[in-house]
Amino acid sequence: MRLTFLGTRGNTDVRSERHYMHSSLLVTHGGARIVLDCGLDWLEQVRELAPDAIVITHGHPDHAWGLKLGAPCPVYASAQTWRVLQGYPVDEQVTLAPKEPREILGLRVTPFPLDHSTLAPAVGYRIGDGRVTFFYSPDLVYIRDRAEALAGVPLYVGDGATISRGMVRKRGAFLIGHAPIRTQLAWCQKEGVPRAMFTHCGSEIIRLGDEAETAVAALADARGVQAAIAYDGLELEL
């Protein structure tokens, strides 16, 4: 299974050569091409990507608005996300239920609810091929049922909005925003996840460049985790 980070920029106007396109991850497995998230940057390019399936975490512009003109393949998302995207001309809309595994082109995909937004509720995905599994949650405050979501996972792909500064606030009884990388690395340490990659990079990381990579590596090393910041075009073999 190969992971290609097509884009790694979050919801910010700040760009760099390494973090130019909205965060999107291509999973290649057995000849199939599955794209995770399709933000507005991809609106004119989604058909050129020629995916066999698209899986959406939530309905925010930098994760789903690339579907405004439709999609060339089936699109998978939660019922809450489809309500946010109501009216989008996607011919094959497939609804995923929380914590119910779905076979998608040879991969076992299980959505786990996240705390992130009340207007566009998000899920993270546990994705495996029977040999190796990773967890993808590029936009979150917290993973519900975290221990179950991360059990036995060798790679966590998380939210790179900030390194240490919290971007979490309350809306009524709900937490919204972004957990910093420091917090997510603590989750990995507690749940025994040995490796983390961070995408959906915020302005802090984009501006700092190599300094951000050094800071994240130091935080990870202190917790016994290997970690790095993903960049557009990065490929990983699992």
C-alpha atoms as a PDB file:
ATOM      1  CA  MET A   1       0.000   0.000   0.000  1.00  0.00           C
ATOM      2  CA  ARG A   2       1.406   3.388  -1.032  1.00  0.00           C
ATOM      3  CA  LEU A   3       0.417   6.757   0.429  1.00  0.00           C
ATOM      4  CA  THR A   4       0.983   9.887  -1.662  1.00  0.00           C
ATOM      5  CA  PHE A   5       0.355  13.256  -0.032  1.00  0.00           C
ATOM      6  CA  LEU A   6      -1.155  15.138  -2.957  1.00  0.00           C
ATOM      7  CA  GLY A   7      -1.592  18.287  -0.856  1.00  0.00           C
ATOM      8  CA  THR A   8      -0.733  19.259   2.725  1.00  0.00           C
ATOM      9  CA  ARG A   9      -2.017  22.829   3.185  1.00  0.00           C
ATOM     10  CA  GLY A  10      -4.788  23.516   5.686  1.00  0.00           C
ATOM     11  CA  ASN A  11      -7.410  26.264   5.654  1.00  0.00           C
ATOM     12  CA  THR A  12      -4.941  29.145   5.348  1.00  0.00           C
ATOM     13  CA  ASP A  13      -4.011  31.616   2.632  1.00  0.00           C
ATOM     14  CA  VAL A  14      -0.320  31.084   3.424  1.00  0.00           C
ATOM     15  CA  ARG A  15       1.351  28.769   0.903  1.00  0.00           C
ATOM     16  CA  SER A  16       4.806  27.481   0.093  1.00  0.00           C
ATOM     17  CA  GLU A  17       6.243  25.187  -2.538  1.00  0.00           C
ATOM     18  CA  ARG A  18       6.099  22.304  -0.066  1.00  0.00           C
ATOM     19  CA  HIS A  19       2.586  23.075   1.193  1.00  0.00           C
ATOM     20  CA  TYR A  20       0.653  24.483  -1.747  1.00  0.00           C
ATOM     21  CA  MET A  21      -2.501  22.418  -2.308  1.00  0.00           C
ATOM     22  CA  HIS A  22      -5.289  21.621   0.148  1.00  0.00           C
ATOM     23  CA  SER A  23      -4.635  18.449   2.106  1.00  0.00           C
ATOM     24  CA  SER A  24      -5.483  15.309   0.156  1.00  0.00           C
ATOM     25  CA  LEU A  25      -4.054  11.801   0.406  1.00  0.00           C
ATOM     26  CA  LEU A  26      -3.912   9.235  -2.401  1.00  0.00           C
ATOM     27  CA  VAL A  27      -3.935   5.592  -1.289  1.00  0.00           C
ATOM     28  CA  THR A  28      -2.787   3.162  -3.981  1.00  0.00           C
ATOM     29  CA  HIS A  29      -3.465  -0.513  -3.383  1.00  0.00           C
ATOM     30  CA  GLY A  30      -3.671  -3.411  -5.817  1.00  0.00           C
ATOM     31  CA  GLY A  31      -4.049  -1.066  -8.761  1.00  0.00           C
ATOM     32  CA  ALA A  32      -6.887   0.895  -7.136  1.00  0.00           C
ATOM     33  CA  ARG A  33      -6.588   4.642  -6.407  1.00  0.00           C
ATOM     34  CA  ILE A  34      -8.531   6.023  -3.439  1.00  0.00           C
ATOM     35  CA  VAL A  35      -8.371   9.747  -2.628  1.00  0.00           C
ATOM     36  CA  LEU A  36      -8.977  10.888   0.945  1.00  0.00           C
ATOM     37  CA  ASP A  37     -10.413  14.438   0.987  1.00  0.00           C
ATOM     38  CA  CYS A  38     -10.892  16.740  -1.970  1.00  0.00           C
ATOM     39  CA  GLY A  39     -10.777  20.431  -1.044  1.00  0.00           C
ATOM     40  CA  LEU A  40     -11.527  23.461  -3.168  1.00  0.00           C
ATOM     41  CA  ASP A  41      -7.992  23.562  -4.624  1.00  0.00           C
ATOM     42  CA  TRP A  42      -8.811  20.322  -6.444  1.00  0.00           C
ATOM     43  CA  LEU A  43     -12.028  21.541  -8.074  1.00  0.00           C
ATOM     44  CA  GLU A  44     -10.565  21.692 -11.586  1.00  0.00           C
ATOM     45  CA  GLN A  45      -8.226  18.716 -11.127  1.00  0.00           C
ATOM     46  CA  VAL A  46     -10.302  15.992  -9.514  1.00  0.00           C
ATOM     47  CA  ARG A  47     -11.084  14.334 -12.844  1.00  0.00           C
ATOM     48  CA  GLU A  48      -7.424  14.476 -13.873  1.00  0.00           C
ATOM     49  CA  LEU A  49      -6.545  12.567 -10.691  1.00  0.00           C
ATOM     50  CA  ALA A  50      -8.754   9.749 -12.027  1.00  0.00           C
ATOM     51  CA  PRO A  51      -9.498   8.180  -8.634  1.00  0.00           C
ATOM     52  CA  ASP A  52     -11.490   4.978  -8.351  1.00  0.00           C
ATOM     53  CA  ALA A  53     -13.096   6.270  -5.142  1.00  0.00           C
ATOM     54  CA  ILE A  54     -13.066   9.406  -2.980  1.00  0.00           C
ATOM     55  CA  VAL A  55     -13.520   9.311   0.799  1.00  0.00           C
ATOM     56  CA  ILE A  56     -14.361  12.552   2.649  1.00  0.00           C
ATOM     57  CA  THR A  57     -13.685  13.285   6.332  1.00  0.00           C
ATOM     58  CA  HIS A  58     -16.062  16.265   6.607  1.00  0.00           C
ATOM     59  CA  GLY A  59     -17.741  19.052   4.667  1.00  0.00           C
ATOM     60  CA  HIS A  60     -15.400  22.018   5.189  1.00  0.00           C
ATOM     61  CA  PRO A  61     -14.175  23.843   2.049  1.00  0.00           C
ATOM     62  CA  ASP A  62     -10.592  22.589   2.285  1.00  0.00           C
ATOM     63  CA  HIS A  63     -11.770  18.974   2.503  1.00  0.00           C
ATOM     64  CA  ALA A  64     -14.849  18.646   0.299  1.00  0.00           C
ATOM     65  CA  TRP A  65     -15.504  21.636  -1.953  1.00  0.00           C
ATOM     66  CA  GLY A  66     -13.525  20.087  -4.792  1.00  0.00           C
ATOM     67  CA  LEU A  67     -16.728  18.080  -5.387  1.00  0.00           C
ATOM     68  CA  LYS A  68     -18.815  21.129  -6.292  1.00  0.00           C
ATOM     69  CA  LEU A  69     -18.766  20.109  -9.969  1.00  0.00           C
ATOM     70  CA  GLY A  70     -19.275  16.425  -9.241  1.00  0.00           C
ATOM     71  CA  ALA A  71     -16.924  13.453  -9.155  1.00  0.00           C
ATOM     72  CA  PRO A  72     -15.782  10.817 -11.670  1.00  0.00           C
ATOM     73  CA  CYS A  73     -16.216   7.960  -9.188  1.00  0.00           C
ATOM     74  CA  PRO A  74     -18.169   6.901  -6.081  1.00  0.00           C
ATOM     75  CA  VAL A  75     -17.767   9.224  -3.084  1.00  0.00           C
ATOM     76  CA  TYR A  76     -17.954   7.901   0.483  1.00  0.00           C
ATOM     77  CA  ALA A  77     -18.847  10.091   3.480  1.00  0.00           C
ATOM     78  CA  SER A  78     -20.873  10.108   6.687  1.00  0.00           C
ATOM     79  CA  ALA A  79     -24.580  10.966   6.705  1.00  0.00           C
ATOM     80  CA  GLN A  80     -23.726  14.240   8.471  1.00  0.00           C
ATOM     81  CA  THR A  81     -21.285  15.183   5.727  1.00  0.00           C
ATOM     82  CA  TRP A  82     -23.789  14.427   2.990  1.00  0.00           C
ATOM     83  CA  ARG A  83     -26.228  16.790   4.702  1.00  0.00           C
ATOM     84  CA  VAL A  84     -23.570  19.522   4.592  1.00  0.00           C
ATOM     85  CA  LEU A  85     -22.922  18.751   0.910  1.00  0.00           C
ATOM     86  CA  GLN A  86     -26.594  18.571  -0.005  1.00  0.00           C
ATOM     87  CA  GLY A  87     -27.081  19.544  -3.639  1.00  0.00           C
ATOM     88  CA  TYR A  88     -23.589  18.603  -4.794  1.00  0.00           C
ATOM     89  CA  PRO A  89     -23.876  16.809  -8.186  1.00  0.00           C
ATOM     90  CA  VAL A  90     -22.193  13.595  -7.058  1.00  0.00           C
ATOM     91  CA  ASP A  91     -23.870  10.719  -8.892  1.00  0.00           C
ATOM     92  CA  GLU A  92     -22.672   7.891  -6.639  1.00  0.00           C
ATOM     93  CA  GLN A  93     -23.056   8.967  -2.998  1.00  0.00           C
ATOM     94  CA  VAL A  94     -22.259   6.221  -0.493  1.00  0.00           C
ATOM     95  CA  THR A  95     -23.014   6.744   3.193  1.00  0.00           C
ATOM     96  CA  LEU A  96     -20.671   5.349   5.835  1.00  0.00           C
ATOM     97  CA  ALA A  97     -21.911   4.581   9.344  1.00  0.00           C
ATOM     98  CA  PRO A  98     -19.835   5.298  12.470  1.00  0.00           C
ATOM     99  CA  LYS A  99     -17.511   2.428  13.433  1.00  0.00           C
ATOM    100  CA  GLU A 100     -18.971   0.132  10.781  1.00  0.00           C
ATOM    101  CA  PRO A 101     -16.226  -1.202   8.478  1.00  0.00           C
ATOM    102  CA  ARG A 102     -16.769  -0.921   4.737  1.00  0.00           C
ATOM    103  CA  GLU A 103     -14.812  -2.726   2.039  1.00  0.00           C
ATOM    104  CA  ILE A 104     -13.679  -0.176  -0.544  1.00  0.00           C
ATOM    105  CA  LEU A 105     -11.649  -1.580  -3.435  1.00  0.00           C
ATOM    106  CA  GLY A 106      -9.828  -4.119  -1.304  1.00  0.00           C
ATOM    107  CA  LEU A 107      -9.329  -1.865   1.714  1.00  0.00           C
ATOM    108  CA  ARG A 108     -11.194  -2.078   5.016  1.00  0.00           C
ATOM    109  CA  VAL A 109     -12.295   1.474   5.894  1.00  0.00           C
ATOM    110  CA  THR A 110     -13.799   2.257   9.305  1.00  0.00           C
ATOM    111  CA  PRO A 111     -14.990   5.779  10.263  1.00  0.00           C
ATOM    112  CA  PHE A 112     -14.470   7.002  13.824  1.00  0.00           C
ATOM    113  CA  PRO A 113     -16.264  10.176  14.998  1.00  0.00           C
ATOM    114  CA  LEU A 114     -14.025  13.124  15.840  1.00  0.00           C
ATOM    115  CA  ASP A 115     -14.541  16.321  17.781  1.00  0.00           C
ATOM    116  CA  HIS A 116     -13.745  19.192  15.406  1.00  0.00           C
ATOM    117  CA  SER A 117     -16.792  21.125  14.184  1.00  0.00           C
ATOM    118  CA  THR A 118     -20.473  21.293  15.053  1.00  0.00           C
ATOM    119  CA  LEU A 119     -21.457  22.655  11.623  1.00  0.00           C
ATOM    120  CA  ALA A 120     -19.435  20.098   9.650  1.00  0.00           C
ATOM    121  CA  PRO A 121     -18.983  17.045  11.914  1.00  0.00           C
ATOM    122  CA  ALA A 122     -15.826  15.104  11.072  1.00  0.00           C
ATOM    123  CA  VAL A 123     -14.718  11.503  11.100  1.00  0.00           C
ATOM    124  CA  GLY A 124     -11.272   9.929  10.990  1.00  0.00           C
ATOM    125  CA  TYR A 125     -10.620   6.712   9.107  1.00  0.00           C
ATOM    126  CA  ARG A 126      -8.924   3.496  10.155  1.00  0.00           C
ATOM    127  CA  ILE A 127      -7.772   2.003   6.846  1.00  0.00           C
ATOM    128  CA  GLY A 128      -6.117  -1.371   6.314  1.00  0.00           C
ATOM    129  CA  ASP A 129      -5.472  -4.081   3.751  1.00  0.00           C
ATOM    130  CA  GLY A 130      -5.252  -7.055   6.134  1.00  0.00           C
ATOM    131  CA  ARG A 131      -1.498  -6.607   6.434  1.00  0.00           C
ATOM    132  CA  VAL A 132      -1.023  -3.030   7.627  1.00  0.00           C
ATOM    133  CA  THR A 133      -3.353  -0.309   8.931  1.00  0.00           C
ATOM    134  CA  PHE A 134      -3.089   3.467   9.313  1.00  0.00           C
ATOM    135  CA  PHE A 135      -5.335   6.103  10.855  1.00  0.00           C
ATOM    136  CA  TYR A 136      -6.175   9.334   8.988  1.00  0.00           C
ATOM    137  CA  SER A 137      -7.520  12.345  10.890  1.00  0.00           C
ATOM    138  CA  PRO A 138      -6.251  15.600   9.347  1.00  0.00           C
ATOM    139  CA  ASP A 139      -8.641  17.952  11.170  1.00  0.00           C
ATOM    140  CA  LEU A 140      -9.584  17.330  14.807  1.00  0.00           C
ATOM    141  CA  VAL A 141      -9.713  18.228  18.473  1.00  0.00           C
ATOM    142  CA  TYR A 142     -10.183  14.682  19.743  1.00  0.00           C
ATOM    143  CA  ILE A 143     -10.764  11.102  18.576  1.00  0.00           C
ATOM    144  CA  ARG A 144     -13.731   9.465  20.222  1.00  0.00           C
ATOM    145  CA  ASP A 145     -12.989   5.835  21.172  1.00  0.00           C
ATOM    146  CA  ARG A 146      -9.331   6.681  20.620  1.00  0.00           C
ATOM    147  CA  ALA A 147      -7.895   3.454  22.033  1.00  0.00           C
ATOM    148  CA  GLU A 148     -10.022   1.386  19.664  1.00  0.00           C
ATOM    149  CA  ALA A 149      -9.267   3.649  16.710  1.00  0.00           C
ATOM    150  CA  LEU A 150      -5.495   3.476  17.167  1.00  0.00           C
ATOM    151  CA  ALA A 151      -5.106  -0.110  18.424  1.00  0.00           C
ATOM    152  CA  GLY A 152      -2.245  -1.815  16.591  1.00  0.00           C
ATOM    153  CA  VAL A 153      -1.833   1.075  14.141  1.00  0.00           C
ATOM    154  CA  PRO A 154       1.779   1.629  12.983  1.00  0.00           C
ATOM    155  CA  LEU A 155       1.094   5.030  11.391  1.00  0.00           C
ATOM    156  CA  TYR A 156      -1.024   7.992  12.489  1.00  0.00           C
ATOM    157  CA  VAL A 157      -1.690  10.763   9.935  1.00  0.00           C
ATOM    158  CA  GLY A 158      -2.825  13.815  11.874  1.00  0.00           C
ATOM    159  CA  ASP A 159      -3.636  17.519  12.010  1.00  0.00           C
ATOM    160  CA  GLY A 160      -0.750  19.936  11.449  1.00  0.00           C
ATOM    161  CA  ALA A 161      -2.608  23.170  12.217  1.00  0.00           C
ATOM    162  CA  THR A 162      -0.177  24.098  15.025  1.00  0.00           C
ATOM    163  CA  ILE A 163       2.838  22.610  16.787  1.00  0.00           C
ATOM    164  CA  SER A 164       2.195  23.454  20.437  1.00  0.00           C
ATOM    165  CA  ARG A 165      -0.339  26.284  20.517  1.00  0.00           C
ATOM    166  CA  GLY A 166      -3.880  25.084  21.104  1.00  0.00           C
ATOM    167  CA  MET A 167      -6.645  26.150  18.719  1.00  0.00           C
ATOM    168  CA  VAL A 168      -9.464  24.662  20.771  1.00  0.00           C
ATOM    169  CA  ARG A 169     -12.588  26.482  21.933  1.00  0.00           C
ATOM    170  CA  LYS A 170     -16.055  25.578  23.171  1.00  0.00           C
ATOM    171  CA  ARG A 171     -19.330  25.956  21.338  1.00  0.00           C
ATOM    172  CA  GLY A 172     -21.939  25.149  23.914  1.00  0.00           C
ATOM    173  CA  ALA A 173     -21.011  21.743  25.307  1.00  0.00           C
ATOM    174  CA  PHE A 174     -18.820  20.880  22.324  1.00  0.00           C
ATOM    175  CA  LEU A 175     -15.109  21.349  21.686  1.00  0.00           C
ATOM    176  CA  ILE A 176     -14.199  22.673  18.243  1.00  0.00           C
ATOM    177  CA  GLY A 177     -10.966  23.529  16.480  1.00  0.00           C
ATOM    178  CA  HIS A 178      -7.591  21.789  16.273  1.00  0.00           C
ATOM    179  CA  ALA A 179      -5.469  19.788  18.693  1.00  0.00           C
ATOM    180  CA  PRO A 180      -1.796  20.787  18.463  1.00  0.00           C
ATOM    181  CA  ILE A 181       0.800  18.310  17.259  1.00  0.00           C
ATOM    182  CA  ARG A 182       2.196  18.116  20.814  1.00  0.00           C
ATOM    183  CA  THR A 183      -1.134  16.690  22.049  1.00  0.00           C
ATOM    184  CA  GLN A 184      -1.495  14.247  19.175  1.00  0.00           C
ATOM    185  CA  LEU A 185       1.991  12.895  19.815  1.00  0.00           C
ATOM    186  CA  ALA A 186       0.951  12.249  23.430  1.00  0.00           C
ATOM    187  CA  TRP A 187      -1.969  10.203  22.087  1.00  0.00           C
ATOM    188  CA  CYS A 188       0.435   8.177  19.948  1.00  0.00           C
ATOM    189  CA  GLN A 189       2.688   7.588  22.942  1.00  0.00           C
ATOM    190  CA  LYS A 190      -0.207   6.437  25.116  1.00  0.00           C
ATOM    191  CA  GLU A 191      -1.725   4.147  22.472  1.00  0.00           C
ATOM    192  CA  GLY A 192       1.578   2.672  21.319  1.00  0.00           C
ATOM    193  CA  VAL A 193       1.584   4.174  17.816  1.00  0.00           C
ATOM    194  CA  PRO A 194       5.254   4.305  16.740  1.00  0.00           C
ATOM    195  CA  ARG A 195       5.058   6.727  13.816  1.00  0.00           C
ATOM    196  CA  ALA A 196       3.146   9.907  12.946  1.00  0.00           C
ATOM    197  CA  MET A 197       2.935  12.157   9.886  1.00  0.00           C
ATOM    198  CA  PHE A 198       1.246  15.543   9.993  1.00  0.00           C
ATOM    199  CA  THR A 199      -0.648  17.108   7.110  1.00  0.00           C
ATOM    200  CA  HIS A 200      -3.256  19.915   6.837  1.00  0.00           C
ATOM    201  CA  CYS A 201      -0.459  22.329   7.767  1.00  0.00           C
ATOM    202  CA  GLY A 202      -1.316  25.718   9.235  1.00  0.00           C
ATOM    203  CA  SER A 203       0.397  29.052   8.674  1.00  0.00           C
ATOM    204  CA  GLU A 204       2.853  28.499  11.560  1.00  0.00           C
ATOM    205  CA  ILE A 205       4.336  25.354  10.050  1.00  0.00           C
ATOM    206  CA  ILE A 206       4.334  26.710   6.498  1.00  0.00           C
ATOM    207  CA  ARG A 207       6.188  29.867   7.535  1.00  0.00           C
ATOM    208  CA  LEU A 208       8.706  28.099   9.794  1.00  0.00           C
ATOM    209  CA  GLY A 209       9.733  25.539   7.187  1.00  0.00           C
ATOM    210  CA  ASP A 210      12.713  23.469   8.396  1.00  0.00           C
ATOM    211  CA  GLU A 211      12.386  24.922  11.904  1.00  0.00           C
ATOM    212  CA  ALA A 212       8.947  23.352  12.199  1.00  0.00           C
ATOM    213  CA  GLU A 213      10.317  19.964  11.156  1.00  0.00           C
ATOM    214  CA  THR A 214      13.022  20.206  13.823  1.00  0.00           C
ATOM    215  CA  ALA A 215      10.537  21.208  16.523  1.00  0.00           C
ATOM    216  CA  VAL A 216       8.157  18.354  15.707  1.00  0.00           C
ATOM    217  CA  ALA A 217      10.989  15.809  15.609  1.00  0.00           C
ATOM    218  CA  ALA A 218      12.135  16.939  19.062  1.00  0.00           C
ATOM    219  CA  LEU A 219       8.627  16.682  20.530  1.00  0.00           C
ATOM    220  CA  ALA A 220       8.241  13.230  19.040  1.00  0.00           C
ATOM    221  CA  ASP A 221      11.620  11.995  20.236  1.00  0.00           C
ATOM    222  CA  ALA A 222      10.769  13.028  23.795  1.00  0.00           C
ATOM    223  CA  ARG A 223       7.715  10.757  23.579  1.00  0.00           C
ATOM    224  CA  GLY A 224       9.389   7.801  21.885  1.00  0.00           C
ATOM    225  CA  VAL A 225       7.558   8.404  18.610  1.00  0.00           C
ATOM    226  CA  GLN A 226       8.988   8.928  15.135  1.00  0.00           C
ATOM    227  CA  ALA A 227       7.291  11.913  13.477  1.00  0.00           C
ATOM    228  CA  ALA A 228       7.624  14.253  10.522  1.00  0.00           C
ATOM    229  CA  ILE A 229       5.672  16.886   8.610  1.00  0.00           C
ATOM    230  CA  ALA A 230       4.312  15.712   5.266  1.00  0.00           C
ATOM    231  CA  TYR A 231       4.739  17.821   2.145  1.00  0.00           C
ATOM    232  CA  ASP A 232       3.069  17.897  -1.266  1.00  0.00           C
ATOM    233  CA  GLY A 233       4.248  14.923  -3.311  1.00  0.00           C
ATOM    234  CA  LEU A 234       5.652  12.882  -0.414  1.00  0.00           C
ATOM    235  CA  GLU A 235       5.267   9.118  -0.921  1.00  0.00           C
ATOM    236  CA  LEU A 236       5.289   6.437   1.774  1.00  0.00           C
ATOM    237  CA  GLU A 237       5.240   2.655   1.377  1.00  0.00           C
ATOM    238  CA  LEU A 238       3.433   0.745   4.111  1.00  0.00           C
END
